[in-house]
Amino acid sequence: MNQVMQYVWAFIVVVCAIPMAHAAPSINVAVAANFAAPLQKLLPEFEAASGIKVRVSVGSSGALFAQIQHGAPYDLFLSADSKRPQALVASGRVTVSAVQTYAVGHLALVGNINGLSDPQLMAAGNRVAIAEPDIAPYGRAAKQLLEQAGLWEQLAPRLIRGTNIQQTLQFWQTGNVDVAFIAASQCVSYQLSCQTLPDTYAPIIQQLAVTGQGESAVAAEQLAAFLRSPQIQSQLADAGYAPLTSDFTAGSR
């Protein structure tokens, strides 16, 4: 072997002996539509502090749950309810300790009527949107309110239903409906003039589930702890969510 080749092989050996820099961890997060905007606002702070990169997929809680059950590679599931995370526990997909409450949502009304008692709500030409109650927790809350007001049976056949709360808001933003039942957090995120609604529906307790494994699970747990921290909970209270209390964190609803 000539001298040049000896130098080349020596260089290769030295390079191979140098430890490779550890790549920044990254996680895949599945988030319910109502929490997508608040999460995107909070992520830069989390990523800067932790060095963890977060990739976000948005959808209805029901659709994201189905994807996880069929093996979608999400590391953290931010549901709009407690039903789906608890179902992951029941199916053995995650442990009990992997599930925590991170937010409590409120329902709001945007549009050209003055609350549920306004006769205009039931006017034949008035177009009303809700999220699909079978898959979207905020839609389920809207249905409960309408049932309590004795309006559901008459209004249900002509409701325009969004696959998630974000699509429901978009129906109103694009002028396809006159009234929409949306998340109070959307009123804040989009600076909308909304009406508050009676808080008589079942609490919209939003739980998360760490669904990743190994290092991904550790990184997902860091994001979960960040979202539940007092500082972030204070920001979420300003964003249209109720503060976490022992009533909401002691169990599932």
Protein backbone atom coordinates (compact mmCIF):
# COMPACT_ATOMS: atom_id res chain seq x y z
CA MET A 1 0.00 0.00 0.00
CA ASN A 2 1.51 3.34 -1.02
CA GLN A 3 1.85 6.28 1.35
CA VAL A 4 -1.14 8.18 -0.07
CA MET A 5 -3.48 5.24 0.50
CA GLN A 6 -2.17 4.83 4.03
CA TYR A 7 -3.13 8.43 4.78
CA VAL A 8 -6.60 7.88 3.25
CA TRP A 9 -7.29 4.80 5.37
CA ALA A 10 -5.98 6.53 8.47
CA PHE A 11 -8.40 9.42 7.83
CA ILE A 12 -11.35 7.02 7.42
CA VAL A 13 -10.52 5.23 10.66
CA VAL A 14 -10.33 8.51 12.57
CA VAL A 15 -13.64 9.77 11.15
CA CYS A 16 -15.43 6.52 11.95
CA ALA A 17 -14.13 6.68 15.51
CA ILE A 18 -15.71 10.10 16.14
CA PRO A 19 -19.15 9.72 17.79
CA MET A 20 -21.92 10.99 15.56
CA ALA A 21 -23.87 13.95 16.93
CA HIS A 22 -27.14 12.78 18.38
CA ALA A 23 -29.98 13.90 16.14
CA ALA A 24 -32.62 16.09 17.73
CA PRO A 25 -35.58 13.91 18.76
CA SER A 26 -38.87 14.39 16.96
CA ILE A 27 -42.41 13.26 17.71
CA ASN A 28 -45.65 12.92 15.80
CA VAL A 29 -48.64 14.47 17.55
CA ALA A 30 -52.28 13.84 16.65
CA VAL A 31 -54.40 16.75 17.85
CA ALA A 32 -58.15 17.34 17.90
CA ALA A 33 -59.18 20.26 15.70
CA ASN A 34 -60.27 22.54 18.56
CA PHE A 35 -56.77 22.47 20.07
CA ALA A 36 -54.80 22.78 16.83
CA ALA A 37 -54.44 26.57 16.87
CA PRO A 38 -53.49 26.84 20.58
CA LEU A 39 -50.98 24.02 20.15
CA GLN A 40 -49.31 25.64 17.15
CA LYS A 41 -49.00 28.85 19.14
CA LEU A 42 -47.35 27.04 22.06
CA LEU A 43 -45.01 24.75 20.12
CA PRO A 44 -42.23 27.25 19.31
CA GLU A 45 -41.64 27.79 23.03
CA PHE A 46 -41.60 24.05 23.70
CA GLU A 47 -39.33 23.23 20.78
CA ALA A 48 -36.88 25.97 21.69
CA ALA A 49 -36.69 24.85 25.32
CA SER A 50 -36.58 21.09 24.71
CA GLY A 51 -34.89 20.70 21.34
CA ILE A 52 -37.71 18.33 20.38
CA LYS A 53 -39.25 18.76 16.94
CA VAL A 54 -43.00 18.25 16.73
CA ARG A 55 -44.95 17.18 13.65
CA VAL A 56 -48.69 17.76 13.94
CA SER A 57 -51.65 15.99 12.36
CA VAL A 58 -55.12 17.51 12.87
CA GLY A 59 -58.49 15.78 12.75
CA SER A 60 -61.56 14.81 14.69
CA SER A 61 -60.96 12.85 17.88
CA GLY A 62 -62.88 9.90 16.48
CA ALA A 63 -60.91 9.78 13.25
CA LEU A 64 -57.54 10.12 14.98
CA PHE A 65 -58.49 7.44 17.48
CA ALA A 66 -59.33 5.05 14.64
CA GLN A 67 -55.99 5.77 12.99
CA ILE A 68 -54.13 5.00 16.23
CA GLN A 69 -56.04 1.76 16.67
CA HIS A 70 -54.98 0.79 13.15
CA GLY A 71 -51.31 1.47 13.85
CA ALA A 72 -50.76 5.11 12.87
CA PRO A 73 -47.30 6.13 14.19
CA TYR A 74 -48.38 8.90 16.54
CA ASP A 75 -46.43 9.45 19.74
CA LEU A 76 -48.97 11.69 21.48
CA PHE A 77 -52.74 11.90 21.05
CA LEU A 78 -54.42 15.14 22.17
CA SER A 79 -58.09 14.24 22.16
CA ALA A 80 -61.06 16.60 22.53
CA ASP A 81 -62.61 14.20 25.04
CA SER A 82 -61.71 11.56 27.59
CA LYS A 83 -63.65 8.79 25.86
CA ARG A 84 -61.02 7.96 23.24
CA PRO A 85 -57.93 8.01 25.49
CA GLN A 86 -59.80 5.84 28.00
CA ALA A 87 -60.73 3.47 25.15
CA LEU A 88 -57.03 3.15 24.34
CA VAL A 89 -56.47 2.07 27.94
CA ALA A 90 -59.35 -0.41 27.76
CA SER A 91 -57.97 -1.94 24.57
CA GLY A 92 -54.50 -2.31 26.07
CA ARG A 93 -52.99 0.12 23.58
CA VAL A 94 -51.69 2.38 26.42
CA THR A 95 -51.38 2.14 30.19
CA VAL A 96 -53.49 4.07 32.67
CA SER A 97 -50.50 6.26 33.56
CA ALA A 98 -50.14 7.30 29.90
CA VAL A 99 -53.45 9.22 30.02
CA GLN A 100 -53.89 12.67 31.59
CA THR A 101 -56.26 15.61 31.34
CA TYR A 102 -54.70 18.62 29.64
CA ALA A 103 -57.66 20.99 28.99
CA VAL A 104 -61.37 21.51 29.64
CA GLY A 105 -63.29 22.99 26.74
CA HIS A 106 -66.27 25.30 26.40
CA LEU A 107 -68.88 25.57 23.66
CA ALA A 108 -69.77 28.90 22.01
CA LEU A 109 -72.12 30.23 19.35
CA VAL A 110 -71.16 32.40 16.41
CA GLY A 111 -73.67 33.92 14.02
CA ASN A 112 -76.70 36.12 13.60
CA ILE A 113 -78.90 35.00 16.49
CA ASN A 114 -79.19 35.92 20.15
CA GLY A 115 -78.81 32.60 21.90
CA LEU A 116 -80.80 29.38 21.88
CA SER A 117 -84.08 31.11 22.70
CA ASP A 118 -83.97 33.32 19.60
CA PRO A 119 -86.80 32.21 17.23
CA GLN A 120 -84.47 32.95 14.33
CA LEU A 121 -82.53 29.79 15.19
CA MET A 122 -85.46 27.68 14.00
CA ALA A 123 -86.37 29.86 11.00
CA ALA A 124 -86.66 27.79 7.85
CA GLY A 125 -84.02 29.74 5.94
CA ASN A 126 -81.50 29.84 8.77
CA ARG A 127 -78.55 27.53 8.17
CA VAL A 128 -76.97 26.03 11.30
CA ALA A 129 -73.75 24.01 11.63
CA ILE A 130 -72.46 21.73 14.36
CA ALA A 131 -69.66 19.20 14.45
CA GLU A 132 -70.82 15.64 13.91
CA PRO A 133 -71.95 14.45 17.38
CA ASP A 134 -70.93 10.83 16.77
CA ILE A 135 -67.25 11.67 16.29
CA ALA A 136 -66.66 15.19 17.62
CA PRO A 137 -67.03 16.00 21.35
CA TYR A 138 -68.02 19.61 20.71
CA GLY A 139 -70.74 18.36 18.39
CA ARG A 140 -71.94 16.04 21.12
CA ALA A 141 -72.10 18.98 23.54
CA ALA A 142 -74.07 21.02 20.99
CA LYS A 143 -76.54 18.17 20.56
CA GLN A 144 -77.00 17.94 24.34
CA LEU A 145 -77.77 21.66 24.54
CA LEU A 146 -80.28 21.48 21.70
CA GLU A 147 -81.95 18.45 23.29
CA GLN A 148 -82.22 20.28 26.61
CA ALA A 149 -83.84 23.22 24.81
CA GLY A 150 -86.31 20.89 23.04
CA LEU A 151 -84.93 21.89 19.63
CA TRP A 152 -82.95 18.86 18.51
CA GLU A 153 -85.63 16.78 16.79
CA GLN A 154 -86.90 19.67 14.71
CA LEU A 155 -83.48 21.09 13.85
CA ALA A 156 -81.49 17.86 13.34
CA PRO A 157 -82.69 17.01 9.78
CA ARG A 158 -81.43 20.30 8.37
CA LEU A 159 -78.21 20.75 10.34
CA ILE A 160 -74.98 21.03 8.38
CA ARG A 161 -72.45 18.81 10.11
CA GLY A 162 -68.71 19.24 10.09
CA THR A 163 -66.35 16.30 10.41
CA ASN A 164 -64.60 18.27 13.15
CA ILE A 165 -64.95 21.60 14.93
CA GLN A 166 -62.54 23.33 12.55
CA GLN A 167 -64.62 22.44 9.51
CA THR A 168 -67.72 23.57 11.40
CA LEU A 169 -66.18 27.01 11.89
CA GLN A 170 -65.13 27.10 8.23
CA PHE A 171 -68.75 26.60 7.17
CA TRP A 172 -69.54 29.88 8.94
CA GLN A 173 -66.42 31.71 7.80
CA THR A 174 -67.18 30.94 4.16
CA GLY A 175 -70.82 32.00 4.46
CA ASN A 176 -72.24 28.54 3.98
CA VAL A 177 -74.13 28.77 7.27
CA ASP A 178 -75.62 31.60 9.33
CA VAL A 179 -74.92 30.09 12.76
CA ALA A 180 -72.34 27.63 14.07
CA PHE A 181 -71.76 25.90 17.38
CA ILE A 182 -67.99 26.07 17.85
CA ALA A 183 -65.31 25.85 20.53
CA ALA A 184 -64.82 28.92 22.72
CA SER A 185 -61.10 28.60 22.01
CA GLN A 186 -61.81 29.30 18.34
CA CYS A 187 -63.49 32.57 19.28
CA VAL A 188 -60.21 33.61 20.89
CA SER A 189 -57.90 32.22 18.20
CA TYR A 190 -59.82 33.88 15.36
CA GLN A 191 -60.89 36.99 17.31
CA LEU A 192 -64.58 36.31 16.73
CA SER A 193 -67.55 37.92 18.45
CA CYS A 194 -69.21 34.88 20.02
CA GLN A 195 -72.02 34.24 22.44
CA THR A 196 -71.52 32.15 25.53
CA LEU A 197 -73.83 29.19 26.00
CA PRO A 198 -75.24 27.52 29.13
CA ASP A 199 -72.62 25.22 30.58
CA THR A 200 -75.15 22.45 31.16
CA TYR A 201 -73.68 19.84 28.83
CA ALA A 202 -71.34 17.12 30.05
CA PRO A 203 -67.91 18.67 30.72
CA ILE A 204 -65.67 18.60 27.66
CA ILE A 205 -62.69 17.06 29.43
CA GLN A 206 -59.84 16.80 26.97
CA GLN A 207 -57.34 14.09 27.71
CA LEU A 208 -54.04 13.13 26.14
CA ALA A 209 -52.50 9.72 25.69
CA VAL A 210 -48.81 8.98 25.21
CA THR A 211 -48.88 6.39 22.44
CA GLY A 212 -45.21 6.30 21.46
CA GLN A 213 -42.51 3.91 22.59
CA GLY A 214 -38.95 4.33 23.87
CA GLU A 215 -37.33 7.70 23.26
CA SER A 216 -40.42 8.93 21.43
CA ALA A 217 -42.53 8.24 24.51
CA VAL A 218 -40.06 10.16 26.71
CA ALA A 219 -40.23 13.14 24.35
CA ALA A 220 -44.04 12.93 24.22
CA GLU A 221 -44.18 12.91 28.01
CA GLN A 222 -42.14 16.12 28.03
CA LEU A 223 -44.71 17.81 25.79
CA ALA A 224 -47.53 16.48 27.98
CA ALA A 225 -45.86 17.92 31.09
CA PHE A 226 -45.34 21.23 29.30
CA LEU A 227 -49.05 21.48 28.40
CA ARG A 228 -50.08 20.73 31.97
CA SER A 229 -47.64 23.16 33.57
CA PRO A 230 -49.12 26.12 35.52
CA GLN A 231 -47.64 28.63 33.09
CA ILE A 232 -49.24 27.02 30.03
CA GLN A 233 -52.52 26.35 31.83
CA SER A 234 -52.70 30.07 32.55
CA GLN A 235 -52.31 30.76 28.83
CA LEU A 236 -54.97 28.18 27.98
CA ALA A 237 -57.40 29.86 30.37
CA ASP A 238 -56.96 33.02 28.31
CA ALA A 239 -57.46 30.94 25.16
CA GLY A 240 -60.98 29.77 26.03
CA TYR A 241 -60.39 26.73 28.23
CA ALA A 242 -61.26 26.16 31.87
CA PRO A 243 -58.33 25.77 34.27
CA LEU A 244 -57.50 22.27 35.38
CA THR A 245 -58.86 21.38 38.81
CA SER A 246 -58.95 18.22 40.90
CA ASP A 247 -62.56 17.72 39.77
CA PHE A 248 -61.38 17.28 36.19
CA THR A 249 -58.08 15.48 36.76
CA ALA A 250 -59.18 12.92 39.31
CA GLY A 251 -60.77 10.65 36.74
CA SER A 252 -62.40 10.31 33.37
CA ARG A 253 -65.80 11.51 32.31
